[in-house]
Amino acid sequence: MGTPQAKIDPVFQNRLTELTDNANQQAQSALTGSIRPWQVPSKLTTSLLDIPNLHTPAFDRSNLNASYVQVTGDTTTGGVVADCMALKMQIDYNAVEERAFRLRHATACRCRAIAFGRRNGHGQVAGIFQGGVQQTVADMLRSGGLKATPAAAGA
């Protein structure tokens, strides 16, 4: 049986604090009719043109990833289910925000290439919709003993 180990990561906490402040500033600018402030993390020290390192340190998830590996270790040194959930949520939230930030600052060519790749992947039978979401639900139902098969197309 594991022991609780996870905590709120400082990078995650900083982003949420800044997002709260940004939201208040943007709401105030809407009320006053002033120009809203641009949403750039204060911890961003990398040039917006340094694509491979744009995540450092503002969106850095290395400590969270290491903690996740630690808590999912063996049953004697690992954590508890709540650790996995809390760490995964922080990892995923920071990753999603980083992707959104990257897209807001990407060139038109880069945005088009990213959109093409995403849509092409989504359109595959093994893609996110049928191979991911639908398959996950079917797997869950099967684990409960039900015979889950995808519904016929158009049914």
N, C-alpha and C. Protein backbone atom coordinates (compact mmCIF):
# COMPACT_ATOMS: atom_id res chain seq x y z
N MET A 1 0.85 -1.18 0.00
CA MET A 1 0.00 0.00 0.00
C MET A 1 0.89 1.24 0.00
N GLY A 2 0.56 2.18 -0.85
CA GLY A 2 1.36 3.38 -0.97
C GLY A 2 1.09 4.39 0.14
N THR A 3 1.89 5.43 0.13
CA THR A 3 1.70 6.52 1.09
C THR A 3 1.53 7.82 0.31
N PRO A 4 0.66 8.71 0.79
CA PRO A 4 0.44 9.98 0.08
C PRO A 4 1.74 10.77 -0.06
N GLN A 5 1.98 11.29 -1.29
CA GLN A 5 3.23 11.99 -1.56
C GLN A 5 3.08 13.28 -2.35
N ALA A 6 2.04 13.42 -3.14
CA ALA A 6 1.94 14.53 -4.08
C ALA A 6 1.65 15.85 -3.36
N LYS A 7 1.97 16.94 -4.06
CA LYS A 7 1.67 18.29 -3.56
C LYS A 7 1.38 19.18 -4.75
N ILE A 8 0.95 20.37 -4.49
CA ILE A 8 0.73 21.33 -5.57
C ILE A 8 2.07 21.88 -6.01
N ASP A 9 2.35 21.75 -7.29
CA ASP A 9 3.62 22.16 -7.85
C ASP A 9 3.69 23.68 -7.96
N PRO A 10 4.85 24.27 -7.65
CA PRO A 10 4.99 25.74 -7.73
C PRO A 10 4.72 26.31 -9.13
N VAL A 11 5.11 25.60 -10.19
CA VAL A 11 4.86 26.09 -11.56
C VAL A 11 3.36 26.14 -11.81
N PHE A 12 2.66 25.08 -11.42
CA PHE A 12 1.21 25.01 -11.57
C PHE A 12 0.54 26.13 -10.75
N GLN A 13 0.95 26.28 -9.49
CA GLN A 13 0.37 27.31 -8.62
C GLN A 13 0.61 28.70 -9.18
N ASN A 14 1.82 28.95 -9.67
CA ASN A 14 2.13 30.26 -10.24
C ASN A 14 1.26 30.56 -11.45
N ARG A 15 1.07 29.56 -12.33
CA ARG A 15 0.24 29.78 -13.51
C ARG A 15 -1.20 30.11 -13.11
N LEU A 16 -1.75 29.38 -12.14
CA LEU A 16 -3.13 29.64 -11.73
C LEU A 16 -3.27 31.01 -11.08
N THR A 17 -2.29 31.40 -10.29
CA THR A 17 -2.32 32.73 -9.66
C THR A 17 -2.28 33.81 -10.73
N GLU A 18 -1.37 33.63 -11.71
CA GLU A 18 -1.27 34.62 -12.79
C GLU A 18 -2.53 34.64 -13.66
N LEU A 19 -3.10 33.47 -13.92
CA LEU A 19 -4.33 33.43 -14.72
C LEU A 19 -5.47 34.14 -13.99
N THR A 20 -5.54 33.99 -12.68
CA THR A 20 -6.56 34.69 -11.89
C THR A 20 -6.36 36.20 -12.00
N ASP A 21 -5.11 36.63 -11.84
CA ASP A 21 -4.80 38.06 -11.95
C ASP A 21 -5.11 38.58 -13.36
N ASN A 22 -4.72 37.80 -14.38
CA ASN A 22 -5.00 38.19 -15.76
C ASN A 22 -6.49 38.34 -16.01
N ALA A 23 -7.27 37.40 -15.49
CA ALA A 23 -8.73 37.45 -15.68
C ALA A 23 -9.30 38.72 -15.06
N ASN A 24 -8.84 39.05 -13.87
CA ASN A 24 -9.32 40.27 -13.21
C ASN A 24 -8.91 41.52 -13.99
N GLN A 25 -7.68 41.55 -14.49
CA GLN A 25 -7.21 42.70 -15.27
C GLN A 25 -8.00 42.83 -16.57
N GLN A 26 -8.28 41.70 -17.21
CA GLN A 26 -9.02 41.74 -18.46
C GLN A 26 -10.47 42.14 -18.23
N ALA A 27 -11.05 41.69 -17.14
CA ALA A 27 -12.42 42.11 -16.81
C ALA A 27 -12.46 43.62 -16.55
N GLN A 28 -11.47 44.11 -15.83
CA GLN A 28 -11.41 45.54 -15.54
C GLN A 28 -11.23 46.35 -16.82
N SER A 29 -10.41 45.85 -17.74
CA SER A 29 -10.21 46.58 -18.99
C SER A 29 -11.50 46.61 -19.82
N ALA A 30 -12.31 45.55 -19.73
CA ALA A 30 -13.59 45.54 -20.43
C ALA A 30 -14.54 46.56 -19.82
N LEU A 31 -14.51 46.70 -18.51
CA LEU A 31 -15.38 47.67 -17.83
C LEU A 31 -14.99 49.11 -18.15
N THR A 32 -13.69 49.34 -18.24
CA THR A 32 -13.22 50.71 -18.46
C THR A 32 -13.01 51.06 -19.92
N GLY A 33 -13.08 50.04 -20.79
CA GLY A 33 -12.85 50.28 -22.21
C GLY A 33 -11.39 50.46 -22.55
N SER A 34 -10.51 50.06 -21.67
CA SER A 34 -9.08 50.19 -21.94
C SER A 34 -8.57 48.94 -22.66
N ILE A 35 -7.37 49.01 -23.14
CA ILE A 35 -6.76 47.89 -23.84
C ILE A 35 -6.45 46.79 -22.83
N ARG A 36 -6.85 45.58 -23.16
CA ARG A 36 -6.59 44.49 -22.22
C ARG A 36 -5.13 44.09 -22.27
N PRO A 37 -4.59 43.69 -21.13
CA PRO A 37 -3.18 43.27 -21.12
C PRO A 37 -2.99 41.94 -21.83
N TRP A 38 -1.84 41.77 -22.46
CA TRP A 38 -1.52 40.52 -23.14
C TRP A 38 -1.15 39.48 -22.10
N GLN A 39 -1.54 38.25 -22.32
CA GLN A 39 -1.33 37.18 -21.35
C GLN A 39 0.00 36.47 -21.62
N VAL A 40 1.05 36.93 -20.98
CA VAL A 40 2.37 36.31 -21.11
C VAL A 40 2.84 35.97 -19.70
N PRO A 41 3.21 34.72 -19.45
CA PRO A 41 3.66 34.34 -18.11
C PRO A 41 4.87 35.16 -17.66
N SER A 42 4.85 35.60 -16.42
CA SER A 42 5.97 36.39 -15.90
C SER A 42 7.25 35.56 -15.85
N LYS A 43 7.13 34.25 -15.73
CA LYS A 43 8.31 33.38 -15.65
C LYS A 43 8.86 33.02 -17.02
N LEU A 44 8.24 33.51 -18.08
CA LEU A 44 8.73 33.19 -19.42
C LEU A 44 10.01 33.96 -19.68
N THR A 45 11.11 33.25 -19.79
CA THR A 45 12.41 33.89 -20.02
C THR A 45 12.94 33.56 -21.41
N THR A 46 12.24 32.69 -22.12
CA THR A 46 12.67 32.24 -23.44
C THR A 46 12.08 33.16 -24.51
N SER A 47 12.82 33.36 -25.56
CA SER A 47 12.30 34.11 -26.70
C SER A 47 11.12 33.37 -27.31
N LEU A 48 10.13 34.10 -27.77
CA LEU A 48 8.99 33.48 -28.44
C LEU A 48 9.40 32.77 -29.73
N LEU A 49 10.59 33.05 -30.23
CA LEU A 49 11.08 32.41 -31.44
C LEU A 49 11.86 31.13 -31.15
N ASP A 50 12.12 30.86 -29.87
CA ASP A 50 12.84 29.65 -29.48
C ASP A 50 11.84 28.53 -29.24
N ILE A 51 11.29 27.99 -30.33
CA ILE A 51 10.20 27.02 -30.27
C ILE A 51 10.51 25.81 -29.39
N PRO A 52 11.68 25.15 -29.53
CA PRO A 52 11.92 23.95 -28.72
C PRO A 52 11.97 24.21 -27.21
N ASN A 53 12.33 25.42 -26.81
CA ASN A 53 12.50 25.70 -25.38
C ASN A 53 11.46 26.68 -24.83
N LEU A 54 10.42 26.89 -25.58
CA LEU A 54 9.42 27.89 -25.18
C LEU A 54 8.76 27.56 -23.84
N HIS A 55 8.75 26.31 -23.46
CA HIS A 55 8.09 25.90 -22.22
C HIS A 55 8.90 26.23 -20.97
N THR A 56 10.18 26.53 -21.12
CA THR A 56 11.06 26.69 -19.98
C THR A 56 11.16 28.14 -19.56
N PRO A 57 11.02 28.47 -18.32
CA PRO A 57 10.54 27.66 -17.20
C PRO A 57 9.05 27.83 -16.92
N ALA A 58 8.36 28.66 -17.68
CA ALA A 58 6.98 29.03 -17.35
C ALA A 58 6.02 27.84 -17.34
N PHE A 59 6.22 26.87 -18.20
CA PHE A 59 5.32 25.72 -18.28
C PHE A 59 6.03 24.40 -17.96
N ASP A 60 7.17 24.48 -17.31
CA ASP A 60 8.00 23.31 -17.06
C ASP A 60 7.27 22.27 -16.20
N ARG A 61 7.18 21.06 -16.73
CA ARG A 61 6.50 19.97 -16.03
C ARG A 61 7.45 18.88 -15.57
N SER A 62 8.76 19.12 -15.62
CA SER A 62 9.72 18.06 -15.31
C SER A 62 9.57 17.57 -13.87
N ASN A 63 9.37 18.45 -12.90
CA ASN A 63 9.19 18.01 -11.51
C ASN A 63 7.89 17.23 -11.35
N LEU A 64 6.83 17.69 -12.00
CA LEU A 64 5.56 16.96 -11.94
C LEU A 64 5.70 15.58 -12.57
N ASN A 65 6.37 15.50 -13.71
CA ASN A 65 6.55 14.22 -14.37
C ASN A 65 7.36 13.25 -13.51
N ALA A 66 8.41 13.77 -12.87
CA ALA A 66 9.24 12.93 -11.99
C ALA A 66 8.41 12.45 -10.79
N SER A 67 7.59 13.33 -10.24
CA SER A 67 6.73 12.93 -9.11
C SER A 67 5.74 11.86 -9.53
N TYR A 68 5.20 12.00 -10.74
CA TYR A 68 4.23 11.02 -11.23
C TYR A 68 4.89 9.64 -11.38
N VAL A 69 6.11 9.62 -11.90
CA VAL A 69 6.84 8.35 -12.03
C VAL A 69 7.07 7.75 -10.64
N GLN A 70 7.40 8.60 -9.68
CA GLN A 70 7.66 8.12 -8.32
C GLN A 70 6.40 7.53 -7.67
N VAL A 71 5.28 8.22 -7.78
CA VAL A 71 4.07 7.74 -7.09
C VAL A 71 3.43 6.55 -7.78
N THR A 72 3.78 6.33 -9.05
CA THR A 72 3.25 5.15 -9.74
C THR A 72 4.24 4.00 -9.69
N GLY A 73 5.25 4.13 -8.81
CA GLY A 73 6.24 3.07 -8.64
C GLY A 73 5.62 1.86 -7.98
N ASP A 74 6.45 1.02 -7.42
CA ASP A 74 5.92 -0.21 -6.82
C ASP A 74 5.05 0.11 -5.60
N THR A 75 4.38 -0.90 -5.11
CA THR A 75 3.39 -0.68 -4.04
C THR A 75 4.00 -0.31 -2.71
N THR A 76 5.29 -0.53 -2.54
CA THR A 76 5.90 -0.16 -1.26
C THR A 76 6.41 1.28 -1.24
N THR A 77 6.87 1.78 -2.39
CA THR A 77 7.39 3.15 -2.43
C THR A 77 6.48 4.10 -3.17
N GLY A 78 5.44 3.58 -3.79
CA GLY A 78 4.55 4.41 -4.59
C GLY A 78 3.59 5.22 -3.74
N GLY A 79 2.80 6.02 -4.43
CA GLY A 79 1.82 6.86 -3.77
C GLY A 79 0.45 6.22 -3.76
N VAL A 80 -0.55 7.04 -3.60
CA VAL A 80 -1.94 6.60 -3.57
C VAL A 80 -2.66 7.13 -4.81
N VAL A 81 -3.86 6.66 -5.03
CA VAL A 81 -4.62 7.05 -6.22
C VAL A 81 -4.79 8.57 -6.29
N ALA A 82 -5.03 9.20 -5.16
CA ALA A 82 -5.20 10.66 -5.14
C ALA A 82 -3.95 11.38 -5.66
N ASP A 83 -2.77 10.83 -5.35
CA ASP A 83 -1.53 11.40 -5.88
C ASP A 83 -1.54 11.38 -7.40
N CYS A 84 -1.87 10.22 -7.96
CA CYS A 84 -1.90 10.07 -9.42
C CYS A 84 -2.87 11.06 -10.04
N MET A 85 -4.04 11.18 -9.45
CA MET A 85 -5.06 12.08 -9.99
C MET A 85 -4.60 13.54 -9.91
N ALA A 86 -4.10 13.94 -8.76
CA ALA A 86 -3.69 15.34 -8.56
C ALA A 86 -2.50 15.70 -9.45
N LEU A 87 -1.53 14.80 -9.54
CA LEU A 87 -0.37 15.08 -10.39
C LEU A 87 -0.75 15.10 -11.86
N LYS A 88 -1.56 14.16 -12.28
CA LYS A 88 -1.97 14.10 -13.69
C LYS A 88 -2.75 15.34 -14.09
N MET A 89 -3.60 15.81 -13.19
CA MET A 89 -4.37 17.02 -13.50
C MET A 89 -3.44 18.23 -13.66
N GLN A 90 -2.45 18.35 -12.79
CA GLN A 90 -1.50 19.46 -12.90
C GLN A 90 -0.67 19.35 -14.18
N ILE A 91 -0.20 18.15 -14.48
CA ILE A 91 0.59 17.93 -15.70
C ILE A 91 -0.23 18.30 -16.93
N ASP A 92 -1.44 17.77 -16.99
CA ASP A 92 -2.29 18.01 -18.17
C ASP A 92 -2.70 19.47 -18.29
N TYR A 93 -3.01 20.12 -17.17
CA TYR A 93 -3.43 21.52 -17.22
C TYR A 93 -2.28 22.39 -17.74
N ASN A 94 -1.09 22.17 -17.20
CA ASN A 94 0.06 22.95 -17.67
C ASN A 94 0.35 22.68 -19.13
N ALA A 95 0.21 21.44 -19.57
CA ALA A 95 0.47 21.09 -20.97
C ALA A 95 -0.54 21.76 -21.90
N VAL A 96 -1.80 21.75 -21.52
CA VAL A 96 -2.83 22.39 -22.34
C VAL A 96 -2.60 23.89 -22.43
N GLU A 97 -2.26 24.49 -21.31
CA GLU A 97 -2.02 25.94 -21.34
C GLU A 97 -0.80 26.26 -22.21
N GLU A 98 0.24 25.43 -22.11
CA GLU A 98 1.42 25.65 -22.95
C GLU A 98 1.06 25.56 -24.43
N ARG A 99 0.28 24.54 -24.81
CA ARG A 99 -0.12 24.40 -26.21
C ARG A 99 -0.91 25.62 -26.68
N ALA A 100 -1.81 26.10 -25.85
CA ALA A 100 -2.60 27.28 -26.22
C ALA A 100 -1.69 28.49 -26.38
N PHE A 101 -0.73 28.65 -25.48
CA PHE A 101 0.21 29.76 -25.55
C PHE A 101 1.03 29.67 -26.84
N ARG A 102 1.51 28.48 -27.15
CA ARG A 102 2.30 28.29 -28.37
C ARG A 102 1.49 28.66 -29.61
N LEU A 103 0.23 28.25 -29.64
CA LEU A 103 -0.61 28.56 -30.80
C LEU A 103 -0.90 30.05 -30.92
N ARG A 104 -1.09 30.72 -29.79
CA ARG A 104 -1.35 32.17 -29.84
C ARG A 104 -0.16 32.93 -30.41
N HIS A 105 1.03 32.36 -30.31
CA HIS A 105 2.24 33.04 -30.76
C HIS A 105 2.87 32.39 -31.98
N ALA A 106 2.15 31.49 -32.62
CA ALA A 106 2.69 30.79 -33.79
C ALA A 106 2.43 31.57 -35.07
N THR A 107 3.26 31.31 -36.05
CA THR A 107 3.06 31.91 -37.37
C THR A 107 1.87 31.24 -38.05
N ALA A 108 1.33 31.88 -39.07
CA ALA A 108 0.19 31.32 -39.81
C ALA A 108 0.54 29.97 -40.42
N CYS A 109 1.75 29.85 -40.96
CA CYS A 109 2.18 28.57 -41.55
C CYS A 109 2.21 27.47 -40.50
N ARG A 110 2.73 27.76 -39.34
CA ARG A 110 2.81 26.77 -38.27
C ARG A 110 1.41 26.38 -37.80
N CYS A 111 0.52 27.33 -37.66
CA CYS A 111 -0.85 27.04 -37.23
C CYS A 111 -1.55 26.14 -38.24
N ARG A 112 -1.33 26.41 -39.51
CA ARG A 112 -1.96 25.59 -40.57
C ARG A 112 -1.43 24.15 -40.52
N ALA A 113 -0.13 24.00 -40.34
CA ALA A 113 0.46 22.66 -40.27
C ALA A 113 -0.05 21.90 -39.04
N ILE A 114 -0.15 22.58 -37.93
CA ILE A 114 -0.65 21.95 -36.70
C ILE A 114 -2.10 21.53 -36.88
N ALA A 115 -2.91 22.40 -37.47
CA ALA A 115 -4.32 22.09 -37.69
C ALA A 115 -4.48 20.91 -38.63
N PHE A 116 -3.68 20.86 -39.69
CA PHE A 116 -3.77 19.74 -40.64
C PHE A 116 -3.47 18.42 -39.94
N GLY A 117 -2.37 18.39 -39.21
CA GLY A 117 -1.99 17.16 -38.52
C GLY A 117 -3.05 16.71 -37.53
N ARG A 118 -3.60 17.65 -36.80
CA ARG A 118 -4.63 17.32 -35.80
C ARG A 118 -5.88 16.78 -36.48
N ARG A 119 -6.36 17.46 -37.50
CA ARG A 119 -7.57 17.02 -38.20
C ARG A 119 -7.36 15.69 -38.91
N ASN A 120 -6.18 15.50 -39.49
CA ASN A 120 -5.88 14.23 -40.15
C ASN A 120 -5.93 13.10 -39.12
N GLY A 121 -5.35 13.31 -37.98
CA GLY A 121 -5.39 12.29 -36.92
C GLY A 121 -6.79 12.04 -36.40
N HIS A 122 -7.56 13.11 -36.23
CA HIS A 122 -8.94 12.97 -35.75
C HIS A 122 -9.80 12.20 -36.74
N GLY A 123 -9.49 12.29 -38.01
CA GLY A 123 -10.29 11.65 -39.04
C GLY A 123 -10.02 10.17 -39.24
N GLN A 124 -9.06 9.62 -38.53
CA GLN A 124 -8.74 8.20 -38.66
C GLN A 124 -9.65 7.36 -37.76
N VAL A 125 -9.97 6.14 -38.21
CA VAL A 125 -10.78 5.24 -37.39
C VAL A 125 -10.08 4.97 -36.06
N ALA A 126 -8.76 4.89 -36.08
CA ALA A 126 -8.00 4.67 -34.85
C ALA A 126 -7.67 5.99 -34.15
N GLY A 127 -8.26 7.09 -34.62
CA GLY A 127 -8.00 8.41 -34.05
C GLY A 127 -8.68 8.62 -32.70
N ILE A 128 -8.68 9.85 -32.26
CA ILE A 128 -9.15 10.19 -30.92
C ILE A 128 -10.62 9.86 -30.68
N PHE A 129 -11.47 10.04 -31.68
CA PHE A 129 -12.90 9.85 -31.46
C PHE A 129 -13.28 8.38 -31.36
N GLN A 130 -12.98 7.61 -32.41
CA GLN A 130 -13.36 6.20 -32.40
C GLN A 130 -12.33 5.33 -31.68
N GLY A 131 -11.06 5.55 -31.96
CA GLY A 131 -10.02 4.73 -31.35
C GLY A 131 -9.67 5.15 -29.94
N GLY A 132 -10.01 6.38 -29.59
CA GLY A 132 -9.68 6.88 -28.25
C GLY A 132 -10.87 6.90 -27.32
N VAL A 133 -11.75 7.89 -27.50
CA VAL A 133 -12.88 8.08 -26.59
C VAL A 133 -13.82 6.88 -26.63
N GLN A 134 -14.28 6.50 -27.82
CA GLN A 134 -15.22 5.38 -27.93
C GLN A 134 -14.60 4.09 -27.42
N GLN A 135 -13.35 3.84 -27.78
CA GLN A 135 -12.68 2.61 -27.34
C GLN A 135 -12.50 2.59 -25.83
N THR A 136 -12.21 3.73 -25.22
CA THR A 136 -12.07 3.80 -23.77
C THR A 136 -13.38 3.47 -23.08
N VAL A 137 -14.47 4.02 -23.57
CA VAL A 137 -15.79 3.72 -22.99
C VAL A 137 -16.10 2.24 -23.15
N ALA A 138 -15.83 1.68 -24.34
CA ALA A 138 -16.08 0.25 -24.55
C ALA A 138 -15.22 -0.59 -23.62
N ASP A 139 -13.96 -0.21 -23.41
CA ASP A 139 -13.08 -0.93 -22.49
C ASP A 139 -13.62 -0.88 -21.07
N MET A 140 -14.13 0.28 -20.67
CA MET A 140 -14.70 0.42 -19.32
C MET A 140 -15.90 -0.50 -19.16
N LEU A 141 -16.76 -0.52 -20.17
CA LEU A 141 -17.94 -1.38 -20.09
C LEU A 141 -17.55 -2.85 -20.05
N ARG A 142 -16.56 -3.23 -20.87
CA ARG A 142 -16.09 -4.62 -20.86
C ARG A 142 -15.50 -4.99 -19.51
N SER A 143 -14.79 -4.06 -18.87
CA SER A 143 -14.20 -4.37 -17.56
C SER A 143 -15.27 -4.62 -16.51
N GLY A 144 -16.46 -4.11 -16.75
CA GLY A 144 -17.58 -4.36 -15.84
C GLY A 144 -18.38 -5.58 -16.23
N GLY A 145 -17.95 -6.30 -17.26
CA GLY A 145 -18.61 -7.53 -17.63
C GLY A 145 -19.59 -7.41 -18.78
N LEU A 146 -19.81 -6.21 -19.30
CA LEU A 146 -20.75 -6.04 -20.41
C LEU A 146 -20.06 -6.35 -21.73
N LYS A 147 -20.82 -6.77 -22.68
CA LYS A 147 -20.32 -7.00 -24.03
C LYS A 147 -20.49 -5.68 -24.80
N ALA A 148 -19.48 -4.86 -24.82
CA ALA A 148 -19.56 -3.53 -25.46
C ALA A 148 -19.00 -3.60 -26.85
N THR A 149 -19.83 -3.34 -27.81
CA THR A 149 -19.37 -3.25 -29.19
C THR A 149 -19.83 -1.92 -29.73
N PRO A 150 -19.02 -1.26 -30.55
CA PRO A 150 -19.45 0.03 -31.11
C PRO A 150 -20.75 -0.12 -31.88
N ALA A 151 -21.61 0.88 -31.77
CA ALA A 151 -22.89 0.89 -32.50
C ALA A 151 -22.59 0.97 -33.98
N ALA A 152 -23.50 0.44 -34.77
CA ALA A 152 -23.35 0.51 -36.22
C ALA A 152 -23.37 1.96 -36.67
N ALA A 153 -22.64 2.25 -37.73
CA ALA A 153 -22.59 3.63 -38.24
C ALA A 153 -23.98 4.10 -38.60
N GLY A 154 -24.32 5.28 -38.14
CA GLY A 154 -25.62 5.87 -38.45
C GLY A 154 -26.74 5.35 -37.56
N ALA A 155 -26.43 4.46 -36.63
CA ALA A 155 -27.47 3.92 -35.75
C ALA A 155 -27.77 4.85 -34.62
